[in-house]
Amino acid sequence: MSKKMLILNLGSTSTKVAVYEDKGLKWSEKIEHNREEINRNPGSKGQLALRMKSLERLLAQRKEDFESFDVFVSRGGTIRPVKGGTWLVTDGMVEDANSKLYGEHPCNLGLEIVKSLAEKYDKTALTVDPPISNEMCIEATYTGIPGVKRMARFHALNQRAIARKYAEDIGVKYEDLNLIVAHMGGGISVGAHEKGKITDVNNALEGDGPFAMERAGTVPTGDLINLCYSSKYNAEKVRKTVNGTAGVLAYLNTTDAIAIGKQIQAGDKKAEEVIRAMAYQVAKEIASLTAVLRGKVDAIILTGGLAHWDYFVELVSERVSHLGKVCRYPGENEMESLACGALRALSGEEPMQKYDDYYPR
């Protein structure tokens, strides 16, 4: 029996909505919320009401009834670390997402929306490969300061979905491959996929790994300490500097890859230098993960929005092609990835995991 799924992916000023029947996309649409509208509805309660009303209007226009869906699925939020896979959205998960103890992201609201819809219509609420999916080997979690651990906060949904897609394309099980996947976009995460587990990956949300379009990546610790204790910065401003106003945006005042590409073609040496430096750091991160996989790399996969940019892909590829086959899967495909993950759990192909079993209330 086919499953009808409502898929949600919330961004800072948008709500992506898609309806799937099994793996087949029926329709998709992006609700745009202007900044004034967002500001008029501050806080999580205001945002929740705004997003719900917008969703209800869209489904009414599409002549869709909430009751007709078998499952509601949202992109995962910033919760406590869990394994990869598909998870039931529970009260405990929503509570942890809303606590802000594990980070802030609009997709936390998505979890609350699908949970409330599931309760109202007696359906199932799911999320797939949350960004804090943590399967890192114990060695990868260590830092030189006891009590400070490296954590996985990255593009888990797209990384694993693209790795699965590559395995399907070559007719091999994902669990039989060693892959390095680089998601390159507003943030950049590079993960070592070792026989179905992501055993090492940079924390792309909080200053680790390559700098990206909007994020600082790894910076010299001493200089960061000095910045934190200078009179120019408070804790909130430092966080925004690391994640949101750093990277290419800080250097070039834009994150528009097309516009930057035109600047480079026109001879802008500064723009060229910044983009070459970002590609250099991505390549360096990829190369470091070959040690994690003991040199046994079946493929290096480049994905995310920047994988559309030939110039950038070539800059990365020329530095890592000697390490293994380089494959390119542009874009994010998050809605399809959410649908496929939910379907695997609903069909019994993989377990449907329960957050509250990991973190009892």
Foldseek 3Di string as FASTA:
>chain_A
DWFWEWEWEDAPFKIKIWIDTQLRTPDIDIGGHDPVNDVVQDDLVSVLVVVVVVVVVVCVVVVHDLLPGQEYEFAAAQADEAAFFKAWLDPNRLVRRNVCPRHHGPSSSVSVVRVVSCVVNVHTYMYGGHQQHFPADPVQQDDPDPPHTFGGGHLRLQQLVVLCVVCVVVVHGSLVAWEWEWAAALWIKIFTQHSNGGHHMHNRQAADFFFHLAADHHDPPVVLVVVPPDPVDDPVRSSNCHGGCDANCVQPVDSPPVVLVVCVVVPNVSSVVSLLRRLVRSLVVSVVCCVVVVLRHAEYEYEHACLVPPVSVVSNCVSCVVSYHYYYDYHRCNRSSRSNSVSCCVVVVDDHHYPCVVVPD
